[in-house]
Amino acid sequence: GKGVDKIILALVIVQWAYYARTVRASALVERRKEYVDAAVCLDLSQSRILFRHILPNCLAPLIVVGTVQTAHAIALEAT
């Protein structure tokens, strides 16, 4: 059908995997870093380690992918 909301939904369905792969790969790399091991040794909770140590360090690659995918989505929508 027609409409901006349907176009946005279709683009999200097509492109969500790029973001998921990027975040997963970044999280796996960050999980092996020494500061995460130190946080585990300090007996911090898993949610604190995830939200305070791992996820903030995954934002940079996610911003890069978001920028590239936005340009790609604009080109895809124009066609």
PDB file of N, CA and C in Angstrom:
ATOM      1  N   GLY A   1       0.790  -1.173   0.000  1.00  0.00           N
ATOM      2  CA  GLY A   1       0.000   0.000   0.000  1.00  0.00           C
ATOM      3  C   GLY A   1       0.847   1.258   0.000  1.00  0.00           C
ATOM      4  N   LYS A   2       0.173   2.379   0.004  1.00  0.00           N
ATOM      5  CA  LYS A   2       0.852   3.664   0.005  1.00  0.00           C
ATOM      6  C   LYS A   2       0.974   4.176   1.431  1.00  0.00           C
ATOM      7  N   GLY A   3       1.923   5.070   1.613  1.00  0.00           N
ATOM      8  CA  GLY A   3       2.066   5.714   2.908  1.00  0.00           C
ATOM      9  C   GLY A   3       3.487   5.629   3.425  1.00  0.00           C
ATOM     10  N   VAL A   4       3.854   6.671   4.135  1.00  0.00           N
ATOM     11  CA  VAL A   4       5.207   6.755   4.679  1.00  0.00           C
ATOM     12  C   VAL A   4       5.414   5.705   5.773  1.00  0.00           C
ATOM     13  N   ASP A   5       4.381   5.452   6.563  1.00  0.00           N
ATOM     14  CA  ASP A   5       4.527   4.493   7.652  1.00  0.00           C
ATOM     15  C   ASP A   5       4.808   3.081   7.137  1.00  0.00           C
ATOM     16  N   LYS A   6       4.225   2.718   6.035  1.00  0.00           N
ATOM     17  CA  LYS A   6       4.479   1.390   5.454  1.00  0.00           C
ATOM     18  C   LYS A   6       5.884   1.295   4.865  1.00  0.00           C
ATOM     19  N   ILE A   7       6.370   2.382   4.303  1.00  0.00           N
ATOM     20  CA  ILE A   7       7.732   2.409   3.765  1.00  0.00           C
ATOM     21  C   ILE A   7       8.742   2.286   4.900  1.00  0.00           C
ATOM     22  N   ILE A   8       8.515   3.028   5.971  1.00  0.00           N
ATOM     23  CA  ILE A   8       9.432   2.958   7.109  1.00  0.00           C
ATOM     24  C   ILE A   8       9.418   1.568   7.719  1.00  0.00           C
ATOM     25  N   LEU A   9       8.257   0.967   7.871  1.00  0.00           N
ATOM     26  CA  LEU A   9       8.156  -0.387   8.409  1.00  0.00           C
ATOM     27  C   LEU A   9       8.888  -1.387   7.526  1.00  0.00           C
ATOM     28  N   ALA A  10       8.747  -1.272   6.224  1.00  0.00           N
ATOM     29  CA  ALA A  10       9.438  -2.182   5.311  1.00  0.00           C
ATOM     30  C   ALA A  10      10.958  -2.024   5.412  1.00  0.00           C
ATOM     31  N   LEU A  11      11.436  -0.787   5.511  1.00  0.00           N
ATOM     32  CA  LEU A  11      12.883  -0.560   5.636  1.00  0.00           C
ATOM     33  C   LEU A  11      13.421  -1.093   6.956  1.00  0.00           C
ATOM     34  N   VAL A  12      12.662  -0.946   8.024  1.00  0.00           N
ATOM     35  CA  VAL A  12      13.098  -1.471   9.322  1.00  0.00           C
ATOM     36  C   VAL A  12      13.160  -2.988   9.286  1.00  0.00           C
ATOM     37  N   ILE A  13      12.181  -3.617   8.694  1.00  0.00           N
ATOM     38  CA  ILE A  13      12.173  -5.075   8.601  1.00  0.00           C
ATOM     39  C   ILE A  13      13.366  -5.583   7.799  1.00  0.00           C
ATOM     40  N   VAL A  14      13.722  -4.874   6.749  1.00  0.00           N
ATOM     41  CA  VAL A  14      14.835  -5.290   5.903  1.00  0.00           C
ATOM     42  C   VAL A  14      16.184  -5.037   6.559  1.00  0.00           C
ATOM     43  N   GLN A  15      16.331  -3.934   7.290  1.00  0.00           N
ATOM     44  CA  GLN A  15      17.653  -3.506   7.736  1.00  0.00           C
ATOM     45  C   GLN A  15      17.972  -3.779   9.201  1.00  0.00           C
ATOM     46  N   TRP A  16      17.094  -4.356   9.984  1.00  0.00           N
ATOM     47  CA  TRP A  16      17.371  -4.556  11.403  1.00  0.00           C
ATOM     48  C   TRP A  16      18.531  -5.507  11.636  1.00  0.00           C
ATOM     49  N   ALA A  17      18.760  -6.433  10.722  1.00  0.00           N
ATOM     50  CA  ALA A  17      19.821  -7.430  10.917  1.00  0.00           C
ATOM     51  C   ALA A  17      21.210  -6.793  10.932  1.00  0.00           C
ATOM     52  N   TYR A  18      21.423  -5.721  10.188  1.00  0.00           N
ATOM     53  CA  TYR A  18      22.727  -5.052  10.195  1.00  0.00           C
ATOM     54  C   TYR A  18      23.055  -4.508  11.589  1.00  0.00           C
ATOM     55  N   TYR A  19      22.054  -3.912  12.216  1.00  0.00           N
ATOM     56  CA  TYR A  19      22.253  -3.365  13.558  1.00  0.00           C
ATOM     57  C   TYR A  19      22.480  -4.488  14.576  1.00  0.00           C
ATOM     58  N   ALA A  20      21.712  -5.553  14.453  1.00  0.00           N
ATOM     59  CA  ALA A  20      21.847  -6.672  15.390  1.00  0.00           C
ATOM     60  C   ALA A  20      23.221  -7.321  15.285  1.00  0.00           C
ATOM     61  N   ARG A  21      23.692  -7.526  14.066  1.00  0.00           N
ATOM     62  CA  ARG A  21      25.026  -8.119  13.891  1.00  0.00           C
ATOM     63  C   ARG A  21      26.123  -7.229  14.440  1.00  0.00           C
ATOM     64  N   THR A  22      25.995  -5.940  14.218  1.00  0.00           N
ATOM     65  CA  THR A  22      27.007  -4.997  14.693  1.00  0.00           C
ATOM     66  C   THR A  22      27.062  -4.967  16.212  1.00  0.00           C
ATOM     67  N   VAL A  23      25.914  -4.885  16.852  1.00  0.00           N
ATOM     68  CA  VAL A  23      25.887  -4.844  18.317  1.00  0.00           C
ATOM     69  C   VAL A  23      26.389  -6.155  18.894  1.00  0.00           C
ATOM     70  N   ARG A  24      26.016  -7.263  18.318  1.00  0.00           N
ATOM     71  CA  ARG A  24      26.471  -8.558  18.829  1.00  0.00           C
ATOM     72  C   ARG A  24      27.981  -8.698  18.703  1.00  0.00           C
ATOM     73  N   ALA A  25      28.521  -8.340  17.553  1.00  0.00           N
ATOM     74  CA  ALA A  25      29.968  -8.447  17.356  1.00  0.00           C
ATOM     75  C   ALA A  25      30.723  -7.518  18.300  1.00  0.00           C
ATOM     76  N   SER A  26      30.241  -6.308  18.478  1.00  0.00           N
ATOM     77  CA  SER A  26      30.887  -5.364  19.393  1.00  0.00           C
ATOM     78  C   SER A  26      30.814  -5.860  20.831  1.00  0.00           C
ATOM     79  N   ALA A  27      29.681  -6.409  21.213  1.00  0.00           N
ATOM     80  CA  ALA A  27      29.523  -6.916  22.575  1.00  0.00           C
ATOM     81  C   ALA A  27      30.438  -8.106  22.829  1.00  0.00           C
ATOM     82  N   LEU A  28      30.599  -8.966  21.850  1.00  0.00           N
ATOM     83  CA  LEU A  28      31.507 -10.108  22.023  1.00  0.00           C
ATOM     84  C   LEU A  28      32.952  -9.660  22.172  1.00  0.00           C
ATOM     85  N   VAL A  29      33.333  -8.621  21.446  1.00  0.00           N
ATOM     86  CA  VAL A  29      34.694  -8.084  21.580  1.00  0.00           C
ATOM     87  C   VAL A  29      34.874  -7.424  22.938  1.00  0.00           C
ATOM     88  N   GLU A  30      33.900  -6.612  23.339  1.00  0.00           N
ATOM     89  CA  GLU A  30      34.009  -5.904  24.610  1.00  0.00           C
ATOM     90  C   GLU A  30      33.973  -6.849  25.803  1.00  0.00           C
ATOM     91  N   ARG A  31      33.270  -7.946  25.662  1.00  0.00           N
ATOM     92  CA  ARG A  31      33.159  -8.905  26.756  1.00  0.00           C
ATOM     93  C   ARG A  31      34.494  -9.514  27.134  1.00  0.00           C
ATOM     94  N   ARG A  32      35.411  -9.562  26.203  1.00  0.00           N
ATOM     95  CA  ARG A  32      36.726 -10.162  26.444  1.00  0.00           C
ATOM     96  C   ARG A  32      37.766  -9.161  26.942  1.00  0.00           C
ATOM     97  N   LYS A  33      37.384  -7.927  27.183  1.00  0.00           N
ATOM     98  CA  LYS A  33      38.328  -6.908  27.624  1.00  0.00           C
ATOM     99  C   LYS A  33      38.593  -7.040  29.129  1.00  0.00           C
ATOM    100  N   GLU A  34      39.719  -6.480  29.542  1.00  0.00           N
ATOM    101  CA  GLU A  34      40.152  -6.623  30.935  1.00  0.00           C
ATOM    102  C   GLU A  34      39.254  -5.873  31.914  1.00  0.00           C
ATOM    103  N   TYR A  35      38.696  -4.740  31.519  1.00  0.00           N
ATOM    104  CA  TYR A  35      37.856  -3.996  32.453  1.00  0.00           C
ATOM    105  C   TYR A  35      36.570  -4.747  32.774  1.00  0.00           C
ATOM    106  N   VAL A  36      36.103  -5.582  31.857  1.00  0.00           N
ATOM    107  CA  VAL A  36      34.931  -6.411  32.150  1.00  0.00           C
ATOM    108  C   VAL A  36      35.326  -7.515  33.126  1.00  0.00           C
ATOM    109  N   ASP A  37      36.502  -8.097  32.936  1.00  0.00           N
ATOM    110  CA  ASP A  37      36.997  -9.088  33.896  1.00  0.00           C
ATOM    111  C   ASP A  37      37.155  -8.479  35.281  1.00  0.00           C
ATOM    112  N   ALA A  38      37.625  -7.248  35.346  1.00  0.00           N
ATOM    113  CA  ALA A  38      37.764  -6.563  36.634  1.00  0.00           C
ATOM    114  C   ALA A  38      36.400  -6.335  37.272  1.00  0.00           C
ATOM    115  N   ALA A  39      35.402  -5.984  36.480  1.00  0.00           N
ATOM    116  CA  ALA A  39      34.054  -5.779  37.011  1.00  0.00           C
ATOM    117  C   ALA A  39      33.473  -7.092  37.525  1.00  0.00           C
ATOM    118  N   VAL A  40      33.765  -8.182  36.843  1.00  0.00           N
ATOM    119  CA  VAL A  40      33.310  -9.498  37.301  1.00  0.00           C
ATOM    120  C   VAL A  40      33.999  -9.854  38.618  1.00  0.00           C
ATOM    121  N   CYS A  41      35.288  -9.553  38.718  1.00  0.00           N
ATOM    122  CA  CYS A  41      36.029  -9.830  39.954  1.00  0.00           C
ATOM    123  C   CYS A  41      35.510  -8.985  41.122  1.00  0.00           C
ATOM    124  N   LEU A  42      34.995  -7.798  40.827  1.00  0.00           N
ATOM    125  CA  LEU A  42      34.407  -6.956  41.868  1.00  0.00           C
ATOM    126  C   LEU A  42      33.004  -7.404  42.241  1.00  0.00           C
ATOM    127  N   ASP A  43      32.529  -8.463  41.608  1.00  0.00           N
ATOM    128  CA  ASP A  43      31.225  -9.059  41.867  1.00  0.00           C
ATOM    129  C   ASP A  43      30.077  -8.087  41.582  1.00  0.00           C
ATOM    130  N   LEU A  44      30.211  -7.320  40.505  1.00  0.00           N
ATOM    131  CA  LEU A  44      29.119  -6.455  40.066  1.00  0.00           C
ATOM    132  C   LEU A  44      28.051  -7.307  39.392  1.00  0.00           C
ATOM    133  N   SER A  45      26.837  -6.846  39.396  1.00  0.00           N
ATOM    134  CA  SER A  45      25.755  -7.615  38.779  1.00  0.00           C
ATOM    135  C   SER A  45      25.920  -7.626  37.261  1.00  0.00           C
ATOM    136  N   GLN A  46      25.347  -8.640  36.655  1.00  0.00           N
ATOM    137  CA  GLN A  46      25.461  -8.773  35.200  1.00  0.00           C
ATOM    138  C   GLN A  46      24.794  -7.614  34.477  1.00  0.00           C
ATOM    139  N   SER A  47      23.669  -7.141  35.013  1.00  0.00           N
ATOM    140  CA  SER A  47      22.998  -6.015  34.357  1.00  0.00           C
ATOM    141  C   SER A  47      23.841  -4.739  34.461  1.00  0.00           C
ATOM    142  N   ARG A  48      24.524  -4.538  35.585  1.00  0.00           N
ATOM    143  CA  ARG A  48      25.385  -3.361  35.715  1.00  0.00           C
ATOM    144  C   ARG A  48      26.562  -3.448  34.756  1.00  0.00           C
ATOM    145  N   ILE A  49      27.166  -4.611  34.638  1.00  0.00           N
ATOM    146  CA  ILE A  49      28.279  -4.787  33.699  1.00  0.00           C
ATOM    147  C   ILE A  49      27.802  -4.525  32.277  1.00  0.00           C
ATOM    148  N   LEU A  50      26.632  -5.031  31.952  1.00  0.00           N
ATOM    149  CA  LEU A  50      26.102  -4.859  30.600  1.00  0.00           C
ATOM    150  C   LEU A  50      25.798  -3.396  30.292  1.00  0.00           C
ATOM    151  N   PHE A  51      25.058  -2.731  31.181  1.00  0.00           N
ATOM    152  CA  PHE A  51      24.606  -1.370  30.895  1.00  0.00           C
ATOM    153  C   PHE A  51      25.649  -0.296  31.173  1.00  0.00           C
ATOM    154  N   ARG A  52      26.581  -0.540  32.067  1.00  0.00           N
ATOM    155  CA  ARG A  52      27.561   0.484  32.419  1.00  0.00           C
ATOM    156  C   ARG A  52      28.907   0.302  31.732  1.00  0.00           C
ATOM    157  N   HIS A  53      29.198  -0.910  31.262  1.00  0.00           N
ATOM    158  CA  HIS A  53      30.516  -1.166  30.700  1.00  0.00           C
ATOM    159  C   HIS A  53      30.477  -1.621  29.241  1.00  0.00           C
ATOM    160  N   ILE A  54      29.612  -2.554  28.929  1.00  0.00           N
ATOM    161  CA  ILE A  54      29.631  -3.139  27.582  1.00  0.00           C
ATOM    162  C   ILE A  54      28.843  -2.291  26.576  1.00  0.00           C
ATOM    163  N   LEU A  55      27.591  -2.003  26.861  1.00  0.00           N
ATOM    164  CA  LEU A  55      26.757  -1.283  25.883  1.00  0.00           C
ATOM    165  C   LEU A  55      27.251   0.123  25.543  1.00  0.00           C
ATOM    166  N   PRO A  56      27.737   0.920  26.493  1.00  0.00           N
ATOM    167  CA  PRO A  56      28.251   2.243  26.083  1.00  0.00           C
ATOM    168  C   PRO A  56      29.430   2.152  25.108  1.00  0.00           C
ATOM    169  N   ASN A  57      30.215   1.096  25.208  1.00  0.00           N
ATOM    170  CA  ASN A  57      31.335   0.935  24.295  1.00  0.00           C
ATOM    171  C   ASN A  57      30.921   0.335  22.954  1.00  0.00           C
ATOM    172  N   CYS A  58      29.685  -0.099  22.844  1.00  0.00           N
ATOM    173  CA  CYS A  58      29.164  -0.611  21.573  1.00  0.00           C
ATOM    174  C   CYS A  58      28.484   0.485  20.753  1.00  0.00           C
ATOM    175  N   LEU A  59      28.362   1.679  21.305  1.00  0.00           N
ATOM    176  CA  LEU A  59      27.638   2.741  20.603  1.00  0.00           C
ATOM    177  C   LEU A  59      28.383   3.288  19.392  1.00  0.00           C
ATOM    178  N   ALA A  60      29.701   3.382  19.463  1.00  0.00           N
ATOM    179  CA  ALA A  60      30.449   3.959  18.338  1.00  0.00           C
ATOM    180  C   ALA A  60      30.251   3.165  17.039  1.00  0.00           C
ATOM    181  N   PRO A  61      30.431   1.839  17.036  1.00  0.00           N
ATOM    182  CA  PRO A  61      30.164   1.101  15.790  1.00  0.00           C
ATOM    183  C   PRO A  61      28.704   1.182  15.363  1.00  0.00           C
ATOM    184  N   LEU A  62      27.798   1.261  16.333  1.00  0.00           N
ATOM    185  CA  LEU A  62      26.383   1.351  16.002  1.00  0.00           C
ATOM    186  C   LEU A  62      26.053   2.685  15.339  1.00  0.00           C
ATOM    187  N   ILE A  63      26.692   3.761  15.762  1.00  0.00           N
ATOM    188  CA  ILE A  63      26.488   5.067  15.138  1.00  0.00           C
ATOM    189  C   ILE A  63      27.004   5.067  13.705  1.00  0.00           C
ATOM    190  N   VAL A  64      28.137   4.428  13.482  1.00  0.00           N
ATOM    191  CA  VAL A  64      28.694   4.342  12.127  1.00  0.00           C
ATOM    192  C   VAL A  64      27.754   3.566  11.214  1.00  0.00           C
ATOM    193  N   VAL A  65      27.283   2.414  11.673  1.00  0.00           N
ATOM    194  CA  VAL A  65      26.361   1.615  10.863  1.00  0.00           C
ATOM    195  C   VAL A  65      25.065   2.383  10.638  1.00  0.00           C
ATOM    196  N   GLY A  66      24.594   3.082  11.647  1.00  0.00           N
ATOM    197  CA  GLY A  66      23.376   3.870  11.497  1.00  0.00           C
ATOM    198  C   GLY A  66      23.502   4.957  10.450  1.00  0.00           C
ATOM    199  N   THR A  67      24.659   5.606  10.410  1.00  0.00           N
ATOM    200  CA  THR A  67      24.893   6.657   9.422  1.00  0.00           C
ATOM    201  C   THR A  67      24.905   6.085   8.006  1.00  0.00           C
ATOM    202  N   VAL A  68      25.617   4.995   7.839  1.00  0.00           N
ATOM    203  CA  VAL A  68      25.697   4.370   6.508  1.00  0.00           C
ATOM    204  C   VAL A  68      24.341   3.823   6.088  1.00  0.00           C
ATOM    205  N   GLN A  69      23.631   3.187   7.010  1.00  0.00           N
ATOM    206  CA  GLN A  69      22.342   2.601   6.676  1.00  0.00           C
ATOM    207  C   GLN A  69      21.275   3.667   6.425  1.00  0.00           C
ATOM    208  N   THR A  70      21.398   4.822   7.044  1.00  0.00           N
ATOM    209  CA  THR A  70      20.458   5.906   6.761  1.00  0.00           C
ATOM    210  C   THR A  70      20.591   6.362   5.311  1.00  0.00           C
ATOM    211  N   ALA A  71      21.820   6.521   4.869  1.00  0.00           N
ATOM    212  CA  ALA A  71      22.047   6.892   3.465  1.00  0.00           C
ATOM    213  C   ALA A  71      21.528   5.800   2.531  1.00  0.00           C
ATOM    214  N   HIS A  72      21.761   4.560   2.915  1.00  0.00           N
ATOM    215  CA  HIS A  72      21.277   3.440   2.100  1.00  0.00           C
ATOM    216  C   HIS A  72      19.746   3.399   2.074  1.00  0.00           C
ATOM    217  N   ALA A  73      19.110   3.672   3.208  1.00  0.00           N
ATOM    218  CA  ALA A  73      17.659   3.665   3.272  1.00  0.00           C
ATOM    219  C   ALA A  73      17.049   4.774   2.427  1.00  0.00           C
ATOM    220  N   ILE A  74      17.697   5.929   2.411  1.00  0.00           N
ATOM    221  CA  ILE A  74      17.216   7.040   1.576  1.00  0.00           C
ATOM    222  C   ILE A  74      17.294   6.666   0.102  1.00  0.00           C
ATOM    223  N   ALA A  75      18.401   6.065  -0.299  1.00  0.00           N
ATOM    224  CA  ALA A  75      18.551   5.640  -1.699  1.00  0.00           C
ATOM    225  C   ALA A  75      17.546   4.535  -2.040  1.00  0.00           C
ATOM    226  N   LEU A  76      17.337   3.615  -1.088  1.00  0.00           N
ATOM    227  CA  LEU A  76      16.400   2.528  -1.323  1.00  0.00           C
ATOM    228  C   LEU A  76      14.970   3.046  -1.428  1.00  0.00           C
ATOM    229  N   GLU A  77      14.603   3.990  -0.598  1.00  0.00           N
ATOM    230  CA  GLU A  77      13.270   4.554  -0.633  1.00  0.00           C
ATOM    231  C   GLU A  77      13.039   5.357  -1.903  1.00  0.00           C
ATOM    232  N   ALA A  78      14.079   6.015  -2.390  1.00  0.00           N
ATOM    233  CA  ALA A  78      13.934   6.818  -3.607  1.00  0.00           C
ATOM    234  C   ALA A  78      13.697   5.949  -4.839  1.00  0.00           C
ATOM    235  N   THR A  79      14.190   4.730  -4.791  1.00  0.00           N
ATOM    236  CA  THR A  79      13.964   3.840  -5.938  1.00  0.00           C
ATOM    237  C   THR A  79      12.619   3.196  -5.823  1.00  0.00           C
TER     238      THR A  79
END
